[in-house]
Amino acid sequence: MILKVRSGQMTATAAAAALGVSRKTYYEWEARGLSAMLIELEDKEPGRPKTGPDPEVTAMRTTMANMQKEIDSLAQTAELRAVLRLMEHNAGKKKRKPS
């Protein structure tokens, strides 16, 4: 409708009536529409627009990293306990030999 009004094929009053708004509202919409059209004509970088990481994916990655740290810590604790048990077992054998 904006193009028809601008090219003289339709009056602003007729366009406003067709849209069911007042002439004042039509002119406000026209200004916004023309402004948006001009913005879209500006040069942009080719390709998809860059977007930030998905917040849900970021949260999951953080959770996974924290869980991996906890698993590593638990594995080290289990390994240390096994070494201590082995040392205690060997210490008990050495004490029995002199009897």
N, C-alpha and C. Protein backbone atom coordinates (compact mmCIF):
# COMPACT_ATOMS: atom_id res chain seq x y z
N MET A 1 0.82 -1.18 0.00
CA MET A 1 0.00 0.00 0.00
C MET A 1 0.87 1.25 0.00
N ILE A 2 1.98 1.18 0.74
CA ILE A 2 2.87 2.35 0.78
C ILE A 2 3.34 2.69 -0.63
N LEU A 3 3.74 1.68 -1.37
CA LEU A 3 4.24 1.92 -2.73
C LEU A 3 3.13 2.45 -3.63
N LYS A 4 1.91 1.95 -3.45
CA LYS A 4 0.80 2.45 -4.26
C LYS A 4 0.52 3.92 -3.94
N VAL A 5 0.55 4.26 -2.66
CA VAL A 5 0.31 5.67 -2.27
C VAL A 5 1.44 6.53 -2.82
N ARG A 6 2.67 6.09 -2.65
CA ARG A 6 3.82 6.88 -3.10
C ARG A 6 3.87 7.03 -4.61
N SER A 7 3.37 6.03 -5.34
CA SER A 7 3.40 6.12 -6.81
C SER A 7 2.15 6.79 -7.37
N GLY A 8 1.20 7.17 -6.50
CA GLY A 8 0.01 7.89 -6.95
C GLY A 8 -1.11 6.97 -7.39
N GLN A 9 -0.97 5.68 -7.20
CA GLN A 9 -2.03 4.74 -7.60
C GLN A 9 -3.16 4.70 -6.58
N MET A 10 -2.92 5.21 -5.38
CA MET A 10 -3.91 5.16 -4.31
C MET A 10 -3.68 6.37 -3.41
N THR A 11 -4.74 6.86 -2.80
CA THR A 11 -4.58 7.98 -1.87
C THR A 11 -4.29 7.43 -0.47
N ALA A 12 -3.72 8.28 0.34
CA ALA A 12 -3.45 7.88 1.72
C ALA A 12 -4.76 7.60 2.45
N THR A 13 -5.79 8.34 2.14
CA THR A 13 -7.10 8.13 2.76
C THR A 13 -7.63 6.75 2.40
N ALA A 14 -7.50 6.35 1.13
CA ALA A 14 -7.98 5.04 0.69
C ALA A 14 -7.16 3.92 1.33
N ALA A 15 -5.86 4.13 1.44
CA ALA A 15 -4.99 3.13 2.06
C ALA A 15 -5.36 2.97 3.54
N ALA A 16 -5.58 4.09 4.21
CA ALA A 16 -5.96 4.04 5.62
C ALA A 16 -7.28 3.32 5.79
N ALA A 17 -8.24 3.60 4.92
CA ALA A 17 -9.54 2.93 4.99
C ALA A 17 -9.39 1.44 4.75
N ALA A 18 -8.55 1.06 3.78
CA ALA A 18 -8.33 -0.36 3.48
C ALA A 18 -7.69 -1.08 4.67
N LEU A 19 -6.85 -0.38 5.40
CA LEU A 19 -6.19 -0.97 6.56
C LEU A 19 -7.02 -0.86 7.83
N GLY A 20 -8.06 -0.06 7.77
CA GLY A 20 -8.95 0.11 8.93
C GLY A 20 -8.34 0.99 10.01
N VAL A 21 -7.55 1.97 9.59
CA VAL A 21 -6.92 2.89 10.55
C VAL A 21 -7.16 4.32 10.09
N SER A 22 -6.81 5.26 10.95
CA SER A 22 -6.97 6.67 10.58
C SER A 22 -5.84 7.06 9.62
N ARG A 23 -6.02 8.20 8.96
CA ARG A 23 -4.98 8.69 8.04
C ARG A 23 -3.70 9.00 8.80
N LYS A 24 -3.84 9.53 10.01
CA LYS A 24 -2.67 9.83 10.84
C LYS A 24 -1.90 8.53 11.13
N THR A 25 -2.62 7.48 11.52
CA THR A 25 -1.97 6.20 11.81
C THR A 25 -1.32 5.64 10.55
N TYR A 26 -2.00 5.78 9.40
CA TYR A 26 -1.39 5.31 8.15
C TYR A 26 -0.05 5.99 7.92
N TYR A 27 0.01 7.30 8.11
CA TYR A 27 1.26 8.04 7.87
C TYR A 27 2.35 7.61 8.87
N GLU A 28 1.95 7.29 10.10
CA GLU A 28 2.93 6.79 11.07
C GLU A 28 3.48 5.43 10.61
N TRP A 29 2.57 4.57 10.15
CA TRP A 29 2.99 3.25 9.66
C TRP A 29 3.85 3.40 8.41
N GLU A 30 3.47 4.35 7.56
CA GLU A 30 4.25 4.58 6.34
C GLU A 30 5.68 4.99 6.70
N ALA A 31 5.82 5.90 7.65
CA ALA A 31 7.15 6.36 8.06
C ALA A 31 7.97 5.19 8.61
N ARG A 32 7.36 4.37 9.45
CA ARG A 32 8.06 3.21 9.99
C ARG A 32 8.42 2.22 8.89
N GLY A 33 7.49 2.00 7.97
CA GLY A 33 7.74 1.06 6.87
C GLY A 33 8.86 1.53 5.96
N LEU A 34 8.85 2.79 5.59
CA LEU A 34 9.91 3.33 4.72
C LEU A 34 11.26 3.30 5.42
N SER A 35 11.25 3.60 6.71
CA SER A 35 12.49 3.54 7.48
C SER A 35 13.05 2.12 7.51
N ALA A 36 12.19 1.15 7.73
CA ALA A 36 12.62 -0.25 7.75
C ALA A 36 13.14 -0.69 6.39
N MET A 37 12.49 -0.23 5.33
CA MET A 37 12.96 -0.58 3.99
C MET A 37 14.36 -0.04 3.74
N LEU A 38 14.60 1.20 4.17
CA LEU A 38 15.93 1.80 3.98
C LEU A 38 17.00 1.05 4.78
N ILE A 39 16.66 0.66 5.97
CA ILE A 39 17.62 -0.09 6.80
C ILE A 39 17.98 -1.40 6.12
N GLU A 40 17.01 -2.07 5.53
CA GLU A 40 17.26 -3.34 4.87
C GLU A 40 18.10 -3.20 3.61
N LEU A 41 18.15 -2.00 3.05
CA LEU A 41 18.97 -1.78 1.86
C LEU A 41 20.45 -1.56 2.18
N GLU A 42 20.77 -1.36 3.46
CA GLU A 42 22.16 -1.14 3.85
C GLU A 42 22.97 -2.42 3.65
N ASP A 43 24.25 -2.26 3.29
CA ASP A 43 25.13 -3.41 3.11
C ASP A 43 25.31 -4.14 4.43
N LYS A 44 25.33 -5.46 4.34
CA LYS A 44 25.53 -6.29 5.52
C LYS A 44 26.58 -7.32 5.19
N GLU A 45 27.17 -7.90 6.24
CA GLU A 45 28.15 -8.95 6.03
C GLU A 45 27.46 -10.15 5.41
N PRO A 46 28.15 -10.83 4.47
CA PRO A 46 27.54 -12.00 3.86
C PRO A 46 27.45 -13.15 4.85
N GLY A 47 26.55 -14.06 4.58
CA GLY A 47 26.41 -15.25 5.42
C GLY A 47 25.42 -15.04 6.54
N ARG A 48 25.34 -16.07 7.36
CA ARG A 48 24.42 -16.01 8.48
C ARG A 48 24.93 -15.01 9.52
N PRO A 49 24.01 -14.34 10.19
CA PRO A 49 24.45 -13.44 11.25
C PRO A 49 25.04 -14.25 12.40
N LYS A 50 26.06 -13.68 13.02
CA LYS A 50 26.69 -14.36 14.14
C LYS A 50 25.79 -14.26 15.34
N THR A 51 25.65 -15.37 16.02
CA THR A 51 24.85 -15.40 17.24
C THR A 51 25.71 -15.94 18.37
N GLY A 52 25.37 -15.58 19.56
CA GLY A 52 26.08 -16.08 20.72
C GLY A 52 25.69 -17.51 21.00
N PRO A 53 26.41 -18.15 21.89
CA PRO A 53 26.08 -19.54 22.21
C PRO A 53 24.72 -19.64 22.91
N ASP A 54 24.07 -20.75 22.70
CA ASP A 54 22.79 -21.01 23.33
C ASP A 54 23.00 -21.08 24.85
N PRO A 55 22.25 -20.32 25.65
CA PRO A 55 22.45 -20.33 27.10
C PRO A 55 22.28 -21.72 27.71
N GLU A 56 21.36 -22.50 27.16
CA GLU A 56 21.13 -23.84 27.69
C GLU A 56 22.35 -24.73 27.43
N VAL A 57 22.94 -24.62 26.24
CA VAL A 57 24.12 -25.40 25.91
C VAL A 57 25.29 -24.97 26.80
N THR A 58 25.43 -23.68 27.01
CA THR A 58 26.50 -23.17 27.87
C THR A 58 26.34 -23.71 29.30
N ALA A 59 25.12 -23.70 29.80
CA ALA A 59 24.86 -24.22 31.15
C ALA A 59 25.19 -25.71 31.24
N MET A 60 24.81 -26.46 30.20
CA MET A 60 25.11 -27.90 30.20
C MET A 60 26.61 -28.15 30.16
N ARG A 61 27.33 -27.38 29.36
CA ARG A 61 28.78 -27.55 29.29
C ARG A 61 29.43 -27.25 30.64
N THR A 62 28.96 -26.21 31.31
CA THR A 62 29.49 -25.88 32.63
C THR A 62 29.21 -27.01 33.61
N THR A 63 28.00 -27.54 33.59
CA THR A 63 27.64 -28.65 34.47
C THR A 63 28.51 -29.86 34.18
N MET A 64 28.71 -30.16 32.90
CA MET A 64 29.54 -31.31 32.54
C MET A 64 30.98 -31.12 33.00
N ALA A 65 31.51 -29.92 32.86
CA ALA A 65 32.89 -29.64 33.29
C ALA A 65 33.00 -29.82 34.81
N ASN A 66 32.02 -29.33 35.55
CA ASN A 66 32.02 -29.49 37.01
C ASN A 66 31.92 -30.96 37.40
N MET A 67 31.08 -31.70 36.70
CA MET A 67 30.94 -33.13 37.00
C MET A 67 32.23 -33.88 36.68
N GLN A 68 32.90 -33.50 35.60
CA GLN A 68 34.16 -34.16 35.24
C GLN A 68 35.21 -33.89 36.31
N LYS A 69 35.26 -32.66 36.84
CA LYS A 69 36.20 -32.35 37.92
C LYS A 69 35.91 -33.20 39.15
N GLU A 70 34.63 -33.36 39.47
CA GLU A 70 34.24 -34.17 40.62
C GLU A 70 34.62 -35.64 40.40
N ILE A 71 34.40 -36.14 39.20
CA ILE A 71 34.77 -37.52 38.88
C ILE A 71 36.28 -37.71 39.01
N ASP A 72 37.05 -36.76 38.49
CA ASP A 72 38.51 -36.84 38.59
C ASP A 72 38.95 -36.84 40.05
N SER A 73 38.33 -35.98 40.86
CA SER A 73 38.67 -35.90 42.28
C SER A 73 38.33 -37.21 42.99
N LEU A 74 37.17 -37.77 42.69
CA LEU A 74 36.77 -39.04 43.30
C LEU A 74 37.69 -40.18 42.87
N ALA A 75 38.12 -40.17 41.63
CA ALA A 75 39.04 -41.20 41.14
C ALA A 75 40.38 -41.10 41.87
N GLN A 76 40.87 -39.88 42.09
CA GLN A 76 42.13 -39.70 42.82
C GLN A 76 41.99 -40.16 44.27
N THR A 77 40.85 -39.85 44.88
CA THR A 77 40.60 -40.27 46.26
C THR A 77 40.57 -41.79 46.34
N ALA A 78 39.90 -42.45 45.41
CA ALA A 78 39.84 -43.91 45.41
C ALA A 78 41.23 -44.50 45.21
N GLU A 79 42.01 -43.90 44.34
CA GLU A 79 43.37 -44.40 44.10
C GLU A 79 44.23 -44.24 45.36
N LEU A 80 44.12 -43.11 46.03
CA LEU A 80 44.88 -42.89 47.27
C LEU A 80 44.46 -43.88 48.35
N ARG A 81 43.17 -44.13 48.47
CA ARG A 81 42.69 -45.10 49.47
C ARG A 81 43.23 -46.48 49.18
N ALA A 82 43.26 -46.85 47.90
CA ALA A 82 43.79 -48.17 47.54
C ALA A 82 45.27 -48.26 47.89
N VAL A 83 46.04 -47.21 47.64
CA VAL A 83 47.46 -47.20 47.97
C VAL A 83 47.65 -47.28 49.48
N LEU A 84 46.86 -46.53 50.25
CA LEU A 84 46.95 -46.58 51.71
C LEU A 84 46.62 -47.97 52.25
N ARG A 85 45.60 -48.60 51.71
CA ARG A 85 45.24 -49.97 52.15
C ARG A 85 46.39 -50.93 51.87
N LEU A 86 46.99 -50.79 50.69
CA LEU A 86 48.11 -51.65 50.32
C LEU A 86 49.29 -51.41 51.26
N MET A 87 49.55 -50.15 51.59
CA MET A 87 50.65 -49.83 52.51
C MET A 87 50.36 -50.39 53.90
N GLU A 88 49.13 -50.25 54.37
CA GLU A 88 48.75 -50.80 55.68
C GLU A 88 48.88 -52.31 55.69
N HIS A 89 48.47 -52.94 54.61
CA HIS A 89 48.55 -54.40 54.50
C HIS A 89 50.01 -54.84 54.53
N ASN A 90 50.88 -54.15 53.78
CA ASN A 90 52.29 -54.49 53.76
C ASN A 90 52.95 -54.21 55.11
N ALA A 91 52.55 -53.14 55.80
CA ALA A 91 53.09 -52.82 57.12
C ALA A 91 52.69 -53.89 58.11
N GLY A 92 51.49 -54.43 58.01
CA GLY A 92 51.03 -55.50 58.90
C GLY A 92 51.82 -56.78 58.69
N LYS A 93 52.22 -57.10 57.46
CA LYS A 93 53.01 -58.29 57.15
C LYS A 93 54.41 -58.18 57.74
N LYS A 94 55.00 -57.01 57.67
CA LYS A 94 56.37 -56.80 58.18
C LYS A 94 56.41 -56.96 59.69
N LYS A 95 55.37 -56.53 60.41
CA LYS A 95 55.35 -56.63 61.86
C LYS A 95 55.20 -58.07 62.32
N ARG A 96 54.56 -58.93 61.54
CA ARG A 96 54.32 -60.32 61.93
C ARG A 96 55.56 -61.18 61.76
N LYS A 97 56.45 -60.88 60.83
CA LYS A 97 57.60 -61.71 60.55
C LYS A 97 58.50 -61.96 61.76
N PRO A 98 58.79 -60.98 62.59
CA PRO A 98 59.72 -61.23 63.69
C PRO A 98 59.18 -62.21 64.73
N SER A 99 57.96 -62.52 64.82
CA SER A 99 57.42 -63.37 65.87
C SER A 99 57.92 -64.76 65.80
